[in-house]
Amino acid sequence: LFKKKPSLADRCKAYLKLGPPSSMSNYVPGSLTEIIIGH
């Protein structure tokens, strides 16, 4: 209940580090969405 939510930057880093699920067949590395999340 009192845990601090990770910062936006930390959540973006975690998203990029985790990457897409292995079942995703149309993944585009370096997409504009990934570039935005990288920012």
PDB file of all heavy atoms in Angstrom:
ATOM      1  N   LEU A   1       0.820  -1.197   0.000  1.00  0.00           N
ATOM      2  CA  LEU A   1       0.000   0.000   0.000  1.00  0.00           C
ATOM      3  C   LEU A   1       0.862   1.259   0.000  1.00  0.00           C
ATOM      4  O   LEU A   1       0.523   2.241  -0.638  1.00  0.00           O
ATOM      5  CB  LEU A   1      -0.939  -0.005   1.202  1.00  0.00           C
ATOM      6  CG  LEU A   1      -1.903   1.153   1.327  1.00  0.00           C
ATOM      7  CD1 LEU A   1      -2.835   1.191   0.129  1.00  0.00           C
ATOM      8  CD2 LEU A   1      -2.708   1.046   2.601  1.00  0.00           C
ATOM      9  N   PHE A   2       1.978   1.211   0.675  1.00  0.00           N
ATOM     10  CA  PHE A   2       2.805   2.395   0.799  1.00  0.00           C
ATOM     11  C   PHE A   2       4.081   2.312  -0.038  1.00  0.00           C
ATOM     12  O   PHE A   2       4.975   3.119   0.122  1.00  0.00           O
ATOM     13  CB  PHE A   2       3.148   2.651   2.265  1.00  0.00           C
ATOM     14  CG  PHE A   2       1.918   2.913   3.089  1.00  0.00           C
ATOM     15  CD1 PHE A   2       1.412   1.943   3.922  1.00  0.00           C
ATOM     16  CD2 PHE A   2       1.253   4.119   2.988  1.00  0.00           C
ATOM     17  CE1 PHE A   2       0.266   2.182   4.667  1.00  0.00           C
ATOM     18  CE2 PHE A   2       0.108   4.368   3.732  1.00  0.00           C
ATOM     19  CZ  PHE A   2      -0.386   3.390   4.567  1.00  0.00           C
ATOM     20  N   LYS A   3       4.157   1.338  -0.919  1.00  0.00           N
ATOM     21  CA  LYS A   3       5.324   1.256  -1.797  1.00  0.00           C
ATOM     22  C   LYS A   3       5.278   2.384  -2.806  1.00  0.00           C
ATOM     23  O   LYS A   3       4.241   2.710  -3.358  1.00  0.00           O
ATOM     24  CB  LYS A   3       5.345  -0.074  -2.546  1.00  0.00           C
ATOM     25  CG  LYS A   3       5.866  -1.225  -1.743  1.00  0.00           C
ATOM     26  CD  LYS A   3       6.072  -2.429  -2.632  1.00  0.00           C
ATOM     27  CE  LYS A   3       6.698  -3.544  -1.861  1.00  0.00           C
ATOM     28  NZ  LYS A   3       6.898  -4.724  -2.675  1.00  0.00           N
ATOM     29  N   LYS A   4       6.432   2.965  -3.049  1.00  0.00           N
ATOM     30  CA  LYS A   4       6.538   4.051  -4.008  1.00  0.00           C
ATOM     31  C   LYS A   4       6.511   3.476  -5.422  1.00  0.00           C
ATOM     32  O   LYS A   4       7.216   2.518  -5.727  1.00  0.00           O
ATOM     33  CB  LYS A   4       7.830   4.823  -3.770  1.00  0.00           C
ATOM     34  CG  LYS A   4       7.982   6.041  -4.620  1.00  0.00           C
ATOM     35  CD  LYS A   4       9.254   6.795  -4.279  1.00  0.00           C
ATOM     36  CE  LYS A   4       9.401   7.970  -5.206  1.00  0.00           C
ATOM     37  NZ  LYS A   4      10.651   8.683  -4.970  1.00  0.00           N
ATOM     38  N   LYS A   5       5.700   4.063  -6.271  1.00  0.00           N
ATOM     39  CA  LYS A   5       5.625   3.643  -7.665  1.00  0.00           C
ATOM     40  C   LYS A   5       6.939   4.013  -8.348  1.00  0.00           C
ATOM     41  O   LYS A   5       7.443   5.130  -8.167  1.00  0.00           O
ATOM     42  CB  LYS A   5       4.447   4.355  -8.350  1.00  0.00           C
ATOM     43  CG  LYS A   5       4.226   3.954  -9.775  1.00  0.00           C
ATOM     44  CD  LYS A   5       3.012   4.676 -10.337  1.00  0.00           C
ATOM     45  CE  LYS A   5       2.775   4.285 -11.774  1.00  0.00           C
ATOM     46  NZ  LYS A   5       1.604   4.952 -12.336  1.00  0.00           N
ATOM     47  N   PRO A   6       7.512   3.090  -9.141  1.00  0.00           N
ATOM     48  CA  PRO A   6       8.758   3.427  -9.846  1.00  0.00           C
ATOM     49  C   PRO A   6       8.553   4.648 -10.739  1.00  0.00           C
ATOM     50  O   PRO A   6       7.463   4.887 -11.256  1.00  0.00           O
ATOM     51  CB  PRO A   6       9.044   2.186 -10.682  1.00  0.00           C
ATOM     52  CG  PRO A   6       8.244   1.083 -10.067  1.00  0.00           C
ATOM     53  CD  PRO A   6       7.056   1.742  -9.426  1.00  0.00           C
ATOM     54  N   SER A   7       9.614   5.398 -10.927  1.00  0.00           N
ATOM     55  CA  SER A   7       9.529   6.600 -11.757  1.00  0.00           C
ATOM     56  C   SER A   7       9.219   6.216 -13.204  1.00  0.00           C
ATOM     57  O   SER A   7       9.408   5.066 -13.616  1.00  0.00           O
ATOM     58  CB  SER A   7      10.844   7.362 -11.712  1.00  0.00           C
ATOM     59  OG  SER A   7      11.854   6.641 -12.400  1.00  0.00           O
ATOM     60  N   LEU A   8       8.763   7.197 -13.957  1.00  0.00           N
ATOM     61  CA  LEU A   8       8.482   6.972 -15.376  1.00  0.00           C
ATOM     62  C   LEU A   8       9.743   6.488 -16.088  1.00  0.00           C
ATOM     63  O   LEU A   8       9.698   5.538 -16.870  1.00  0.00           O
ATOM     64  CB  LEU A   8       7.944   8.246 -16.025  1.00  0.00           C
ATOM     65  CG  LEU A   8       7.693   8.204 -17.529  1.00  0.00           C
ATOM     66  CD1 LEU A   8       6.727   7.086 -17.901  1.00  0.00           C
ATOM     67  CD2 LEU A   8       7.194   9.551 -18.021  1.00  0.00           C
ATOM     68  N   ALA A   9      10.876   7.105 -15.800  1.00  0.00           N
ATOM     69  CA  ALA A   9      12.135   6.698 -16.436  1.00  0.00           C
ATOM     70  C   ALA A   9      12.463   5.239 -16.110  1.00  0.00           C
ATOM     71  O   ALA A   9      12.859   4.477 -17.002  1.00  0.00           O
ATOM     72  CB  ALA A   9      13.269   7.618 -16.000  1.00  0.00           C
ATOM     73  N   ASP A  10      12.281   4.846 -14.867  1.00  0.00           N
ATOM     74  CA  ASP A  10      12.565   3.461 -14.471  1.00  0.00           C
ATOM     75  C   ASP A  10      11.615   2.480 -15.153  1.00  0.00           C
ATOM     76  O   ASP A  10      12.026   1.391 -15.562  1.00  0.00           O
ATOM     77  CB  ASP A  10      12.485   3.303 -12.958  1.00  0.00           C
ATOM     78  CG  ASP A  10      13.655   3.955 -12.237  1.00  0.00           C
ATOM     79  OD1 ASP A  10      14.690   4.232 -12.886  1.00  0.00           O
ATOM     80  OD2 ASP A  10      13.532   4.201 -11.016  1.00  0.00           O
ATOM     81  N   ARG A  11      10.347   2.867 -15.270  1.00  0.00           N
ATOM     82  CA  ARG A  11       9.389   1.972 -15.935  1.00  0.00           C
ATOM     83  C   ARG A  11       9.697   1.857 -17.426  1.00  0.00           C
ATOM     84  O   ARG A  11       9.561   0.790 -18.021  1.00  0.00           O
ATOM     85  CB  ARG A  11       7.958   2.446 -15.697  1.00  0.00           C
ATOM     86  CG  ARG A  11       7.521   2.191 -14.250  1.00  0.00           C
ATOM     87  CD  ARG A  11       6.095   2.585 -13.964  1.00  0.00           C
ATOM     88  NE  ARG A  11       6.014   4.035 -13.875  1.00  0.00           N
ATOM     89  CZ  ARG A  11       5.186   4.794 -14.584  1.00  0.00           C
ATOM     90  NH1 ARG A  11       4.342   4.252 -15.423  1.00  0.00           N
ATOM     91  NH2 ARG A  11       5.187   6.104 -14.435  1.00  0.00           N
ATOM     92  N   CYS A  12      10.148   2.954 -18.033  1.00  0.00           N
ATOM     93  CA  CYS A  12      10.544   2.912 -19.449  1.00  0.00           C
ATOM     94  C   CYS A  12      11.756   2.011 -19.635  1.00  0.00           C
ATOM     95  O   CYS A  12      11.797   1.192 -20.568  1.00  0.00           O
ATOM     96  CB  CYS A  12      10.851   4.317 -19.963  1.00  0.00           C
ATOM     97  SG  CYS A  12       9.405   5.374 -20.155  1.00  0.00           S
ATOM     98  N   LYS A  13      12.742   2.143 -18.749  1.00  0.00           N
ATOM     99  CA  LYS A  13      13.935   1.295 -18.825  1.00  0.00           C
ATOM    100  C   LYS A  13      13.571  -0.175 -18.683  1.00  0.00           C
ATOM    101  O   LYS A  13      14.077  -1.023 -19.426  1.00  0.00           O
ATOM    102  CB  LYS A  13      14.929   1.687 -17.734  1.00  0.00           C
ATOM    103  CG  LYS A  13      15.611   3.009 -17.971  1.00  0.00           C
ATOM    104  CD  LYS A  13      16.498   3.389 -16.786  1.00  0.00           C
ATOM    105  CE  LYS A  13      17.008   4.804 -16.928  1.00  0.00           C
ATOM    106  NZ  LYS A  13      17.748   5.265 -15.750  1.00  0.00           N
ATOM    107  N   ALA A  14      12.697  -0.480 -17.742  1.00  0.00           N
ATOM    108  CA  ALA A  14      12.291  -1.869 -17.522  1.00  0.00           C
ATOM    109  C   ALA A  14      11.562  -2.427 -18.743  1.00  0.00           C
ATOM    110  O   ALA A  14      11.789  -3.570 -19.143  1.00  0.00           O
ATOM    111  CB  ALA A  14      11.403  -1.969 -16.279  1.00  0.00           C
ATOM    112  N   TYR A  15      10.711  -1.611 -19.346  1.00  0.00           N
ATOM    113  CA  TYR A  15       9.964  -2.027 -20.542  1.00  0.00           C
ATOM    114  C   TYR A  15      10.923  -2.355 -21.682  1.00  0.00           C
ATOM    115  O   TYR A  15      10.803  -3.387 -22.345  1.00  0.00           O
ATOM    116  CB  TYR A  15       8.997  -0.918 -20.949  1.00  0.00           C
ATOM    117  CG  TYR A  15       8.178  -1.206 -22.184  1.00  0.00           C
ATOM    118  CD1 TYR A  15       6.981  -1.914 -22.089  1.00  0.00           C
ATOM    119  CD2 TYR A  15       8.581  -0.760 -23.437  1.00  0.00           C
ATOM    120  CE1 TYR A  15       6.216  -2.168 -23.219  1.00  0.00           C
ATOM    121  CE2 TYR A  15       7.816  -1.003 -24.568  1.00  0.00           C
ATOM    122  CZ  TYR A  15       6.637  -1.711 -24.444  1.00  0.00           C
ATOM    123  OH  TYR A  15       5.877  -1.968 -25.574  1.00  0.00           O
ATOM    124  N   LEU A  16      11.900  -1.484 -21.892  1.00  0.00           N
ATOM    125  CA  LEU A  16      12.860  -1.701 -22.972  1.00  0.00           C
ATOM    126  C   LEU A  16      13.768  -2.890 -22.679  1.00  0.00           C
ATOM    127  O   LEU A  16      14.107  -3.660 -23.592  1.00  0.00           O
ATOM    128  CB  LEU A  16      13.692  -0.437 -23.204  1.00  0.00           C
ATOM    129  CG  LEU A  16      12.912   0.764 -23.741  1.00  0.00           C
ATOM    130  CD1 LEU A  16      13.800   2.002 -23.737  1.00  0.00           C
ATOM    131  CD2 LEU A  16      12.368   0.495 -25.133  1.00  0.00           C
ATOM    132  N   LYS A  17      14.152  -3.057 -21.442  1.00  0.00           N
ATOM    133  CA  LYS A  17      15.024  -4.177 -21.064  1.00  0.00           C
ATOM    134  C   LYS A  17      14.300  -5.511 -21.228  1.00  0.00           C
ATOM    135  O   LYS A  17      14.874  -6.467 -21.743  1.00  0.00           O
ATOM    136  CB  LYS A  17      15.499  -4.014 -19.624  1.00  0.00           C
ATOM    137  CG  LYS A  17      16.463  -5.088 -19.189  1.00  0.00           C
ATOM    138  CD  LYS A  17      16.965  -4.854 -17.782  1.00  0.00           C
ATOM    139  CE  LYS A  17      17.919  -5.971 -17.396  1.00  0.00           C
ATOM    140  NZ  LYS A  17      18.427  -5.801 -16.032  1.00  0.00           N
ATOM    141  N   LEU A  18      13.062  -5.557 -20.804  1.00  0.00           N
ATOM    142  CA  LEU A  18      12.285  -6.795 -20.901  1.00  0.00           C
ATOM    143  C   LEU A  18      12.025  -7.164 -22.365  1.00  0.00           C
ATOM    144  O   LEU A  18      12.120  -8.317 -22.755  1.00  0.00           O
ATOM    145  CB  LEU A  18      10.963  -6.647 -20.154  1.00  0.00           C
ATOM    146  CG  LEU A  18      10.050  -7.859 -20.131  1.00  0.00           C
ATOM    147  CD1 LEU A  18      10.725  -9.034 -19.449  1.00  0.00           C
ATOM    148  CD2 LEU A  18       8.739  -7.526 -19.436  1.00  0.00           C
ATOM    149  N   GLY A  19      11.725  -6.164 -23.167  1.00  0.00           N
ATOM    150  CA  GLY A  19      11.458  -6.411 -24.583  1.00  0.00           C
ATOM    151  C   GLY A  19      10.131  -7.116 -24.807  1.00  0.00           C
ATOM    152  O   GLY A  19       9.379  -7.383 -23.870  1.00  0.00           O
ATOM    153  N   PRO A  20       9.842  -7.429 -26.064  1.00  0.00           N
ATOM    154  CA  PRO A  20       8.553  -8.028 -26.397  1.00  0.00           C
ATOM    155  C   PRO A  20       8.490  -9.499 -26.005  1.00  0.00           C
ATOM    156  O   PRO A  20       9.534 -10.151 -25.846  1.00  0.00           O
ATOM    157  CB  PRO A  20       8.500  -7.880 -27.919  1.00  0.00           C
ATOM    158  CG  PRO A  20       9.924  -7.953 -28.338  1.00  0.00           C
ATOM    159  CD  PRO A  20      10.680  -7.241 -27.247  1.00  0.00           C
ATOM    160  N   PRO A  21       7.276 -10.018 -25.887  1.00  0.00           N
ATOM    161  CA  PRO A  21       7.151 -11.454 -25.622  1.00  0.00           C
ATOM    162  C   PRO A  21       7.675 -12.252 -26.824  1.00  0.00           C
ATOM    163  O   PRO A  21       7.631 -11.781 -27.962  1.00  0.00           O
ATOM    164  CB  PRO A  21       5.639 -11.658 -25.437  1.00  0.00           C
ATOM    165  CG  PRO A  21       4.982 -10.447 -25.981  1.00  0.00           C
ATOM    166  CD  PRO A  21       5.987  -9.348 -25.993  1.00  0.00           C
ATOM    167  N   SER A  22       8.187 -13.417 -26.555  1.00  0.00           N
ATOM    168  CA  SER A  22       8.766 -14.237 -27.624  1.00  0.00           C
ATOM    169  C   SER A  22       7.729 -14.621 -28.676  1.00  0.00           C
ATOM    170  O   SER A  22       8.083 -14.923 -29.816  1.00  0.00           O
ATOM    171  CB  SER A  22       9.402 -15.498 -27.038  1.00  0.00           C
ATOM    172  OG  SER A  22       8.439 -16.255 -26.338  1.00  0.00           O
ATOM    173  N   SER A  23       6.466 -14.577 -28.317  1.00  0.00           N
ATOM    174  CA  SER A  23       5.400 -14.953 -29.249  1.00  0.00           C
ATOM    175  C   SER A  23       5.038 -13.841 -30.228  1.00  0.00           C
ATOM    176  O   SER A  23       4.241 -14.043 -31.139  1.00  0.00           O
ATOM    177  CB  SER A  23       4.143 -15.366 -28.475  1.00  0.00           C
ATOM    178  OG  SER A  23       3.692 -14.282 -27.673  1.00  0.00           O
ATOM    179  N   MET A  24       5.654 -12.671 -30.074  1.00  0.00           N
ATOM    180  CA  MET A  24       5.311 -11.539 -30.943  1.00  0.00           C
ATOM    181  C   MET A  24       6.035 -11.692 -32.281  1.00  0.00           C
ATOM    182  O   MET A  24       7.249 -11.567 -32.365  1.00  0.00           O
ATOM    183  CB  MET A  24       5.692 -10.216 -30.280  1.00  0.00           C
ATOM    184  CG  MET A  24       5.213  -9.011 -31.017  1.00  0.00           C
ATOM    185  SD  MET A  24       5.504  -7.540 -29.999  1.00  0.00           S
ATOM    186  CE  MET A  24       4.686  -6.322 -30.980  1.00  0.00           C
ATOM    187  N   SER A  25       5.271 -11.929 -33.329  1.00  0.00           N
ATOM    188  CA  SER A  25       5.868 -12.239 -34.628  1.00  0.00           C
ATOM    189  C   SER A  25       6.168 -11.005 -35.476  1.00  0.00           C
ATOM    190  O   SER A  25       6.972 -11.083 -36.396  1.00  0.00           O
ATOM    191  CB  SER A  25       4.956 -13.183 -35.409  1.00  0.00           C
ATOM    192  OG  SER A  25       3.708 -12.561 -35.670  1.00  0.00           O
ATOM    193  N   ASN A  26       5.546  -9.875 -35.169  1.00  0.00           N
ATOM    194  CA  ASN A  26       5.746  -8.691 -36.013  1.00  0.00           C
ATOM    195  C   ASN A  26       6.485  -7.571 -35.285  1.00  0.00           C
ATOM    196  O   ASN A  26       6.288  -6.401 -35.563  1.00  0.00           O
ATOM    197  CB  ASN A  26       4.404  -8.176 -36.546  1.00  0.00           C
ATOM    198  CG  ASN A  26       3.448  -7.773 -35.448  1.00  0.00           C
ATOM    199  OD1 ASN A  26       3.703  -8.016 -34.278  1.00  0.00           O
ATOM    200  ND2 ASN A  26       2.346  -7.166 -35.813  1.00  0.00           N
ATOM    201  N   TYR A  27       7.383  -7.940 -34.394  1.00  0.00           N
ATOM    202  CA  TYR A  27       8.169  -6.972 -33.618  1.00  0.00           C
ATOM    203  C   TYR A  27       9.132  -6.227 -34.539  1.00  0.00           C
ATOM    204  O   TYR A  27       9.793  -6.816 -35.382  1.00  0.00           O
ATOM    205  CB  TYR A  27       8.928  -7.694 -32.514  1.00  0.00           C
ATOM    206  CG  TYR A  27       9.927  -6.831 -31.792  1.00  0.00           C
ATOM    207  CD1 TYR A  27       9.500  -5.769 -31.011  1.00  0.00           C
ATOM    208  CD2 TYR A  27      11.283  -7.072 -31.900  1.00  0.00           C
ATOM    209  CE1 TYR A  27      10.408  -4.961 -30.349  1.00  0.00           C
ATOM    210  CE2 TYR A  27      12.204  -6.277 -31.231  1.00  0.00           C
ATOM    211  CZ  TYR A  27      11.752  -5.228 -30.457  1.00  0.00           C
ATOM    212  OH  TYR A  27      12.664  -4.431 -29.803  1.00  0.00           O
ATOM    213  N   VAL A  28       9.187  -4.903 -34.368  1.00  0.00           N
ATOM    214  CA  VAL A  28      10.091  -4.065 -35.157  1.00  0.00           C
ATOM    215  C   VAL A  28      11.082  -3.403 -34.201  1.00  0.00           C
ATOM    216  O   VAL A  28      10.735  -2.449 -33.509  1.00  0.00           O
ATOM    217  CB  VAL A  28       9.308  -2.980 -35.938  1.00  0.00           C
ATOM    218  CG1 VAL A  28      10.252  -2.108 -36.728  1.00  0.00           C
ATOM    219  CG2 VAL A  28       8.258  -3.603 -36.832  1.00  0.00           C
ATOM    220  N   PRO A  29      12.323  -3.901 -34.145  1.00  0.00           N
ATOM    221  CA  PRO A  29      13.303  -3.267 -33.260  1.00  0.00           C
ATOM    222  C   PRO A  29      13.592  -1.842 -33.713  1.00  0.00           C
ATOM    223  O   PRO A  29      13.644  -1.549 -34.899  1.00  0.00           O
ATOM    224  CB  PRO A  29      14.555  -4.134 -33.407  1.00  0.00           C
ATOM    225  CG  PRO A  29      14.207  -5.264 -34.293  1.00  0.00           C
ATOM    226  CD  PRO A  29      12.857  -5.019 -34.881  1.00  0.00           C
ATOM    227  N   GLY A  30      13.743  -0.949 -32.749  1.00  0.00           N
ATOM    228  CA  GLY A  30      14.047   0.442 -33.074  1.00  0.00           C
ATOM    229  C   GLY A  30      12.872   1.209 -33.641  1.00  0.00           C
ATOM    230  O   GLY A  30      13.051   2.212 -34.322  1.00  0.00           O
ATOM    231  N   SER A  31      11.667   0.749 -33.346  1.00  0.00           N
ATOM    232  CA  SER A  31      10.466   1.441 -33.838  1.00  0.00           C
ATOM    233  C   SER A  31      10.378   2.830 -33.229  1.00  0.00           C
ATOM    234  O   SER A  31      11.047   3.139 -32.231  1.00  0.00           O
ATOM    235  CB  SER A  31       9.214   0.639 -33.479  1.00  0.00           C
ATOM    236  OG  SER A  31       9.008   0.666 -32.076  1.00  0.00           O
ATOM    237  N   LEU A  32       9.559   3.671 -33.814  1.00  0.00           N
ATOM    238  CA  LEU A  32       9.377   5.020 -33.271  1.00  0.00           C
ATOM    239  C   LEU A  32       8.823   4.975 -31.855  1.00  0.00           C
ATOM    240  O   LEU A  32       9.182   5.803 -31.013  1.00  0.00           O
ATOM    241  CB  LEU A  32       8.482   5.846 -34.192  1.00  0.00           C
ATOM    242  CG  LEU A  32       9.144   6.231 -35.517  1.00  0.00           C
ATOM    243  CD1 LEU A  32       8.118   6.829 -36.474  1.00  0.00           C
ATOM    244  CD2 LEU A  32      10.293   7.199 -35.292  1.00  0.00           C
ATOM    245  N   THR A  33       7.978   3.995 -31.572  1.00  0.00           N
ATOM    246  CA  THR A  33       7.452   3.843 -30.213  1.00  0.00           C
ATOM    247  C   THR A  33       8.595   3.563 -29.243  1.00  0.00           C
ATOM    248  O   THR A  33       8.665   4.153 -28.166  1.00  0.00           O
ATOM    249  CB  THR A  33       6.394   2.722 -30.161  1.00  0.00           C
ATOM    250  OG1 THR A  33       5.325   3.058 -31.049  1.00  0.00           O
ATOM    251  CG2 THR A  33       5.861   2.520 -28.762  1.00  0.00           C
ATOM    252  N   GLU A  34       9.510   2.680 -29.629  1.00  0.00           N
ATOM    253  CA  GLU A  34      10.664   2.386 -28.775  1.00  0.00           C
ATOM    254  C   GLU A  34      11.560   3.613 -28.618  1.00  0.00           C
ATOM    255  O   GLU A  34      12.125   3.832 -27.549  1.00  0.00           O
ATOM    256  CB  GLU A  34      11.484   1.228 -29.337  1.00  0.00           C
ATOM    257  CG  GLU A  34      10.922  -0.115 -28.987  1.00  0.00           C
ATOM    258  CD  GLU A  34      11.891  -1.245 -29.290  1.00  0.00           C
ATOM    259  OE1 GLU A  34      12.984  -1.015 -29.843  1.00  0.00           O
ATOM    260  OE2 GLU A  34      11.531  -2.385 -28.971  1.00  0.00           O
ATOM    261  N   ILE A  35      11.703   4.390 -29.664  1.00  0.00           N
ATOM    262  CA  ILE A  35      12.521   5.607 -29.585  1.00  0.00           C
ATOM    263  C   ILE A  35      11.904   6.584 -28.580  1.00  0.00           C
ATOM    264  O   ILE A  35      12.615   7.174 -27.755  1.00  0.00           O
ATOM    265  CB  ILE A  35      12.684   6.246 -30.975  1.00  0.00           C
ATOM    266  CG1 ILE A  35      13.559   5.338 -31.851  1.00  0.00           C
ATOM    267  CG2 ILE A  35      13.267   7.658 -30.874  1.00  0.00           C
ATOM    268  CD1 ILE A  35      13.602   5.719 -33.310  1.00  0.00           C
ATOM    269  N   ILE A  36      10.588   6.724 -28.630  1.00  0.00           N
ATOM    270  CA  ILE A  36       9.889   7.608 -27.686  1.00  0.00           C
ATOM    271  C   ILE A  36      10.078   7.098 -26.261  1.00  0.00           C
ATOM    272  O   ILE A  36      10.393   7.869 -25.344  1.00  0.00           O
ATOM    273  CB  ILE A  36       8.393   7.724 -28.050  1.00  0.00           C
ATOM    274  CG1 ILE A  36       8.251   8.466 -29.388  1.00  0.00           C
ATOM    275  CG2 ILE A  36       7.606   8.405 -26.939  1.00  0.00           C
ATOM    276  CD1 ILE A  36       6.875   8.351 -30.018  1.00  0.00           C
ATOM    277  N   ILE A  37       9.914   5.796 -26.061  1.00  0.00           N
ATOM    278  CA  ILE A  37      10.081   5.221 -24.723  1.00  0.00           C
ATOM    279  C   ILE A  37      11.538   5.342 -24.274  1.00  0.00           C
ATOM    280  O   ILE A  37      11.816   5.573 -23.096  1.00  0.00           O
ATOM    281  CB  ILE A  37       9.570   3.763 -24.691  1.00  0.00           C
ATOM    282  CG1 ILE A  37       8.043   3.767 -24.918  1.00  0.00           C
ATOM    283  CG2 ILE A  37       9.911   3.084 -23.369  1.00  0.00           C
ATOM    284  CD1 ILE A  37       7.433   2.392 -25.108  1.00  0.00           C
ATOM    285  N   GLY A  38      12.468   5.249 -25.211  1.00  0.00           N
ATOM    286  CA  GLY A  38      13.881   5.464 -24.890  1.00  0.00           C
ATOM    287  C   GLY A  38      14.137   6.881 -24.399  1.00  0.00           C
ATOM    288  O   GLY A  38      14.932   7.099 -23.485  1.00  0.00           O
ATOM    289  N   HIS A  39      13.460   7.849 -25.007  1.00  0.00           N
ATOM    290  CA  HIS A  39      13.577   9.232 -24.526  1.00  0.00           C
ATOM    291  C   HIS A  39      13.055   9.325 -23.094  1.00  0.00           C
ATOM    292  O   HIS A  39      13.633  10.011 -22.260  1.00  0.00           O
ATOM    293  CB  HIS A  39      12.804  10.186 -25.436  1.00  0.00           C
ATOM    294  CG  HIS A  39      13.579  10.652 -26.622  1.00  0.00           C
ATOM    295  ND1 HIS A  39      14.000   9.802 -27.622  1.00  0.00           N
ATOM    296  CD2 HIS A  39      14.010  11.883 -26.971  1.00  0.00           C
ATOM    297  CE1 HIS A  39      14.662  10.501 -28.529  1.00  0.00           C
ATOM    298  NE2 HIS A  39      14.683  11.774 -28.159  1.00  0.00           N
TER     299      HIS A  39
END
